[in-house]
């Protein structure tokens, strides 16, 4: 009974994980080729539909890259556009690559 009560489809449905891993394959490859594996993570356009476990799923799938929310101003920034899934320019950052699935890789200009 408790399994039915606390069932979460993404945890028990391997197709959900596989689908998400396939969607993020380009992102994982692009992040894996960067010289730094500690990447700043930002969430834009969060709404009431935002699932707070989404960050941990994203971190798990993109490993060994480490997504940091520590605000240290790292060289590379991964931005997730939650609601629109549309990548757009952000002030102070240069767009490196649209990774699909609402994710974009940005780079801070050298100062």
N, C-alpha and C. Protein backbone atom coordinates (compact mmCIF):
# COMPACT_ATOMS: atom_id res chain seq x y z
N UNK A 1 0.82 -1.19 0.00
CA UNK A 1 0.00 0.00 0.00
C UNK A 1 0.87 1.26 0.00
N UNK A 2 1.96 1.27 0.79
CA UNK A 2 2.78 2.47 0.86
C UNK A 2 3.46 2.77 -0.48
N UNK A 3 3.77 1.73 -1.26
CA UNK A 3 4.36 1.96 -2.58
C UNK A 3 3.36 2.70 -3.45
N UNK A 4 2.12 2.31 -3.42
CA UNK A 4 1.10 3.03 -4.21
C UNK A 4 0.92 4.45 -3.71
N UNK A 5 0.99 4.63 -2.40
CA UNK A 5 0.77 5.94 -1.81
C UNK A 5 1.90 6.91 -2.17
N UNK A 6 3.13 6.46 -2.19
CA UNK A 6 4.27 7.33 -2.42
C UNK A 6 4.90 7.12 -3.80
N UNK A 7 4.19 6.50 -4.69
CA UNK A 7 4.69 6.23 -6.04
C UNK A 7 5.00 7.52 -6.77
N UNK A 8 6.16 7.58 -7.38
CA UNK A 8 6.56 8.70 -8.22
C UNK A 8 6.92 8.13 -9.58
N UNK A 9 6.20 8.51 -10.66
CA UNK A 9 6.40 7.85 -11.95
C UNK A 9 7.82 7.93 -12.49
N UNK A 10 8.53 9.04 -12.28
CA UNK A 10 9.87 9.16 -12.84
C UNK A 10 10.86 8.25 -12.13
N UNK A 11 10.60 7.95 -10.85
CA UNK A 11 11.50 7.07 -10.12
C UNK A 11 11.32 5.62 -10.56
N UNK A 12 10.08 5.18 -10.73
CA UNK A 12 9.81 3.79 -11.04
C UNK A 12 9.67 3.51 -12.53
N UNK A 13 9.59 4.53 -13.35
CA UNK A 13 9.42 4.35 -14.78
C UNK A 13 10.76 4.56 -15.47
N UNK A 14 11.49 3.48 -15.79
CA UNK A 14 12.79 3.66 -16.42
C UNK A 14 12.71 4.39 -17.74
N UNK A 15 11.57 4.30 -18.42
CA UNK A 15 11.42 5.02 -19.68
C UNK A 15 11.51 6.53 -19.47
N UNK A 16 11.01 7.02 -18.34
CA UNK A 16 11.10 8.45 -18.02
C UNK A 16 12.54 8.90 -17.89
N UNK A 17 13.33 8.13 -17.18
CA UNK A 17 14.75 8.45 -17.02
C UNK A 17 15.48 8.35 -18.36
N UNK A 18 15.20 7.30 -19.10
CA UNK A 18 15.87 7.10 -20.39
C UNK A 18 15.51 8.23 -21.34
N UNK A 19 14.25 8.62 -21.34
CA UNK A 19 13.81 9.73 -22.19
C UNK A 19 14.55 11.01 -21.81
N UNK A 20 14.65 11.30 -20.52
CA UNK A 20 15.33 12.50 -20.06
C UNK A 20 16.83 12.43 -20.36
N UNK A 21 17.45 11.28 -20.18
CA UNK A 21 18.87 11.12 -20.50
C UNK A 21 19.11 11.34 -21.99
N UNK A 22 18.22 10.84 -22.83
CA UNK A 22 18.35 11.06 -24.27
C UNK A 22 18.19 12.53 -24.62
N UNK A 23 17.25 13.22 -23.98
CA UNK A 23 17.05 14.65 -24.22
C UNK A 23 18.27 15.46 -23.83
N UNK A 24 18.98 14.99 -22.82
CA UNK A 24 20.13 15.75 -22.29
C UNK A 24 21.48 15.22 -22.76
N UNK A 25 21.50 14.30 -23.71
CA UNK A 25 22.76 13.73 -24.19
C UNK A 25 23.68 14.80 -24.77
N UNK A 26 23.15 15.73 -25.55
CA UNK A 26 23.96 16.81 -26.13
C UNK A 26 24.52 17.70 -25.03
N UNK A 27 23.70 18.00 -24.03
CA UNK A 27 24.16 18.84 -22.92
C UNK A 27 25.28 18.15 -22.15
N UNK A 28 25.12 16.88 -21.88
CA UNK A 28 26.15 16.13 -21.14
C UNK A 28 27.47 16.12 -21.90
N UNK A 29 27.40 15.91 -23.19
CA UNK A 29 28.61 15.89 -24.02
C UNK A 29 29.29 17.26 -24.04
N UNK A 30 28.50 18.31 -24.24
CA UNK A 30 29.06 19.67 -24.29
C UNK A 30 29.70 20.05 -22.96
N UNK A 31 29.04 19.75 -21.86
CA UNK A 31 29.60 20.08 -20.55
C UNK A 31 30.83 19.23 -20.24
N UNK A 32 30.83 18.00 -20.68
CA UNK A 32 31.97 17.13 -20.46
C UNK A 32 33.22 17.57 -21.19
N UNK A 33 33.06 18.34 -22.28
CA UNK A 33 34.21 18.83 -23.05
C UNK A 33 34.77 20.14 -22.52
N UNK A 34 34.14 20.73 -21.52
CA UNK A 34 34.64 21.99 -20.97
C UNK A 34 35.87 21.75 -20.10
N UNK A 35 36.76 22.73 -20.00
CA UNK A 35 37.95 22.57 -19.15
C UNK A 35 37.62 22.56 -17.66
N UNK A 36 36.50 23.15 -17.28
CA UNK A 36 36.10 23.21 -15.88
C UNK A 36 34.84 22.37 -15.70
N UNK A 37 34.84 21.49 -14.71
CA UNK A 37 33.68 20.63 -14.51
C UNK A 37 32.79 21.09 -13.36
N UNK A 38 33.07 22.27 -12.82
CA UNK A 38 32.19 22.91 -11.84
C UNK A 38 31.54 24.08 -12.55
N UNK A 39 30.26 23.94 -12.87
CA UNK A 39 29.51 24.89 -13.68
C UNK A 39 28.45 25.56 -12.81
N UNK A 40 28.34 26.87 -12.94
CA UNK A 40 27.27 27.57 -12.23
C UNK A 40 25.93 27.18 -12.86
N UNK A 41 24.91 27.01 -12.02
CA UNK A 41 23.58 26.66 -12.50
C UNK A 41 22.62 27.76 -12.10
N UNK A 42 21.80 28.20 -13.07
CA UNK A 42 20.76 29.19 -12.80
C UNK A 42 19.44 28.70 -13.37
N UNK A 43 18.39 28.99 -12.66
CA UNK A 43 17.04 28.67 -13.11
C UNK A 43 16.34 29.98 -13.44
N UNK A 44 15.78 30.07 -14.64
CA UNK A 44 15.01 31.24 -15.06
C UNK A 44 13.58 30.79 -15.33
N UNK A 45 12.66 31.70 -15.11
CA UNK A 45 11.25 31.48 -15.43
C UNK A 45 10.63 30.34 -14.63
N UNK A 46 11.03 30.16 -13.41
CA UNK A 46 10.40 29.12 -12.58
C UNK A 46 8.94 29.52 -12.35
N UNK A 47 8.08 28.53 -12.36
CA UNK A 47 6.66 28.78 -12.14
C UNK A 47 6.14 27.81 -11.09
N UNK A 48 4.84 27.81 -10.91
CA UNK A 48 4.23 26.88 -9.95
C UNK A 48 4.42 25.43 -10.37
N UNK A 49 4.71 25.21 -11.64
CA UNK A 49 4.91 23.84 -12.12
C UNK A 49 6.33 23.35 -11.88
N UNK A 50 7.20 24.20 -11.35
CA UNK A 50 8.59 23.79 -11.14
C UNK A 50 8.66 22.68 -10.10
N UNK A 51 9.33 21.62 -10.44
CA UNK A 51 9.53 20.47 -9.59
C UNK A 51 10.90 20.64 -8.93
N UNK A 52 10.94 20.80 -7.62
CA UNK A 52 12.20 21.07 -6.93
C UNK A 52 13.18 19.90 -6.99
N UNK A 53 12.73 18.73 -7.39
CA UNK A 53 13.63 17.61 -7.58
C UNK A 53 14.27 17.63 -8.96
N UNK A 54 13.82 18.53 -9.82
CA UNK A 54 14.35 18.61 -11.19
C UNK A 54 15.84 18.91 -11.18
N UNK A 55 16.29 19.75 -10.25
CA UNK A 55 17.72 20.08 -10.16
C UNK A 55 18.54 18.81 -9.88
N UNK A 56 18.07 17.99 -8.97
CA UNK A 56 18.80 16.78 -8.60
C UNK A 56 18.80 15.75 -9.73
N UNK A 57 17.69 15.65 -10.46
CA UNK A 57 17.67 14.77 -11.63
C UNK A 57 18.65 15.28 -12.67
N UNK A 58 18.65 16.60 -12.89
CA UNK A 58 19.56 17.19 -13.86
C UNK A 58 21.01 16.94 -13.45
N UNK A 59 21.33 17.14 -12.18
CA UNK A 59 22.69 16.90 -11.68
C UNK A 59 23.08 15.45 -11.87
N UNK A 60 22.18 14.55 -11.59
CA UNK A 60 22.48 13.12 -11.73
C UNK A 60 22.78 12.76 -13.18
N UNK A 61 21.99 13.26 -14.10
CA UNK A 61 22.15 12.91 -15.51
C UNK A 61 23.39 13.57 -16.11
N UNK A 62 23.73 14.78 -15.68
CA UNK A 62 24.87 15.49 -16.25
C UNK A 62 26.20 15.16 -15.58
N UNK A 63 26.19 14.31 -14.56
CA UNK A 63 27.43 13.91 -13.89
C UNK A 63 28.38 13.31 -14.93
N UNK A 64 29.67 13.56 -14.80
CA UNK A 64 30.43 14.05 -13.66
C UNK A 64 30.50 15.57 -13.54
N UNK A 65 29.87 16.32 -14.43
CA UNK A 65 29.82 17.77 -14.25
C UNK A 65 29.06 18.09 -12.97
N UNK A 66 29.56 19.07 -12.22
CA UNK A 66 28.95 19.45 -10.97
C UNK A 66 28.25 20.79 -11.17
N UNK A 67 26.96 20.82 -10.92
CA UNK A 67 26.19 22.06 -11.03
C UNK A 67 26.23 22.77 -9.69
N UNK A 68 26.70 24.00 -9.70
CA UNK A 68 26.90 24.75 -8.46
C UNK A 68 25.90 25.90 -8.37
N UNK A 69 25.28 26.01 -7.23
CA UNK A 69 24.36 27.12 -6.96
C UNK A 69 24.93 28.00 -5.86
N UNK A 70 26.24 28.09 -5.81
CA UNK A 70 26.90 28.79 -4.72
C UNK A 70 27.12 30.27 -4.96
N UNK A 71 26.79 30.76 -6.16
CA UNK A 71 26.91 32.18 -6.46
C UNK A 71 28.33 32.69 -6.53
N UNK A 72 29.29 31.85 -6.86
CA UNK A 72 30.68 32.27 -6.91
C UNK A 72 31.08 32.91 -8.25
N UNK A 73 30.18 33.02 -9.18
CA UNK A 73 30.50 33.64 -10.46
C UNK A 73 31.48 32.82 -11.27
N UNK A 74 31.19 31.59 -11.48
CA UNK A 74 32.06 30.69 -12.23
C UNK A 74 32.11 31.08 -13.70
N UNK A 75 33.13 30.61 -14.39
CA UNK A 75 33.38 30.97 -15.80
C UNK A 75 32.24 30.53 -16.71
N UNK A 76 31.74 29.30 -16.53
CA UNK A 76 30.66 28.77 -17.35
C UNK A 76 29.38 28.71 -16.53
N UNK A 77 28.27 29.00 -17.21
CA UNK A 77 26.97 29.05 -16.54
C UNK A 77 25.97 28.25 -17.37
N UNK A 78 25.31 27.30 -16.72
CA UNK A 78 24.23 26.55 -17.35
C UNK A 78 22.93 27.17 -16.86
N UNK A 79 22.11 27.62 -17.81
CA UNK A 79 20.85 28.26 -17.46
C UNK A 79 19.71 27.40 -17.98
N UNK A 80 18.74 27.16 -17.10
CA UNK A 80 17.55 26.40 -17.49
C UNK A 80 16.37 27.35 -17.55
N UNK A 81 15.76 27.46 -18.72
CA UNK A 81 14.56 28.27 -18.91
C UNK A 81 13.37 27.34 -18.73
N UNK A 82 12.80 27.36 -17.54
CA UNK A 82 11.82 26.35 -17.14
C UNK A 82 10.50 26.45 -17.90
N UNK A 83 9.91 27.63 -17.94
CA UNK A 83 8.55 27.75 -18.47
C UNK A 83 8.51 27.73 -19.99
N UNK A 84 9.26 28.62 -20.63
CA UNK A 84 9.16 28.75 -22.09
C UNK A 84 10.04 27.77 -22.84
N UNK A 85 11.09 27.28 -22.19
CA UNK A 85 12.09 26.41 -22.84
C UNK A 85 12.76 27.13 -24.01
N UNK A 86 12.67 28.46 -24.02
CA UNK A 86 13.26 29.27 -25.09
C UNK A 86 14.50 29.99 -24.57
N UNK A 87 15.63 29.71 -25.16
CA UNK A 87 16.90 30.32 -24.78
C UNK A 87 16.90 31.77 -25.26
N UNK A 88 17.43 32.66 -24.42
CA UNK A 88 17.52 34.06 -24.79
C UNK A 88 18.82 34.66 -24.25
N UNK A 89 19.23 35.79 -24.81
CA UNK A 89 20.45 36.44 -24.32
C UNK A 89 20.27 36.89 -22.86
N UNK A 90 21.35 36.84 -22.11
CA UNK A 90 21.34 37.31 -20.73
C UNK A 90 22.45 38.33 -20.55
N UNK A 91 22.17 39.41 -19.82
CA UNK A 91 23.19 40.44 -19.62
C UNK A 91 24.41 39.91 -18.87
N UNK A 92 25.58 40.28 -19.34
CA UNK A 92 26.83 39.89 -18.70
C UNK A 92 27.32 38.50 -19.05
N UNK A 93 26.60 37.80 -19.92
CA UNK A 93 26.98 36.45 -20.32
C UNK A 93 26.95 36.32 -21.83
N UNK A 94 27.87 35.54 -22.36
CA UNK A 94 27.90 35.24 -23.80
C UNK A 94 27.35 33.84 -24.02
N UNK A 95 26.39 33.72 -24.93
CA UNK A 95 25.82 32.42 -25.23
C UNK A 95 26.85 31.57 -25.98
N UNK A 96 27.13 30.39 -25.46
CA UNK A 96 28.05 29.46 -26.08
C UNK A 96 27.27 28.48 -26.95
N UNK A 97 26.19 27.90 -26.37
CA UNK A 97 25.45 26.88 -27.10
C UNK A 97 24.06 26.70 -26.50
N UNK A 98 23.08 26.58 -27.38
CA UNK A 98 21.73 26.19 -26.99
C UNK A 98 21.75 24.67 -26.93
N UNK A 99 21.56 24.11 -25.75
CA UNK A 99 21.69 22.67 -25.54
C UNK A 99 20.36 21.93 -25.69
N UNK A 100 19.30 22.64 -26.01
CA UNK A 100 17.99 22.02 -26.14
C UNK A 100 17.36 21.76 -24.79
N UNK A 101 16.10 21.39 -24.80
CA UNK A 101 15.37 21.05 -23.59
C UNK A 101 15.31 22.23 -22.61
N UNK A 102 15.43 23.46 -23.15
CA UNK A 102 15.38 24.65 -22.31
C UNK A 102 16.68 24.97 -21.59
N UNK A 103 17.76 24.32 -21.97
CA UNK A 103 19.07 24.55 -21.35
C UNK A 103 19.98 25.31 -22.31
N UNK A 104 20.77 26.21 -21.75
CA UNK A 104 21.75 26.95 -22.54
C UNK A 104 23.03 27.09 -21.74
N UNK A 105 24.14 27.00 -22.46
CA UNK A 105 25.46 27.17 -21.85
C UNK A 105 25.95 28.57 -22.18
N UNK A 106 26.34 29.29 -21.15
CA UNK A 106 26.87 30.65 -21.29
C UNK A 106 28.28 30.70 -20.72
N UNK A 107 28.99 31.76 -21.12
CA UNK A 107 30.35 31.96 -20.62
C UNK A 107 30.49 33.42 -20.23
N UNK A 108 31.14 33.63 -19.09
CA UNK A 108 31.42 35.00 -18.67
C UNK A 108 32.59 35.54 -19.47
N UNK A 109 32.50 36.78 -19.95
CA UNK A 109 33.65 37.34 -20.66
C UNK A 109 34.84 37.55 -19.71
N UNK A 110 36.03 37.42 -20.26
CA UNK A 110 37.24 37.66 -19.46
C UNK A 110 37.31 39.13 -19.09
N UNK A 111 37.78 39.37 -17.88
CA UNK A 111 37.88 40.77 -17.44
C UNK A 111 39.31 41.13 -17.14
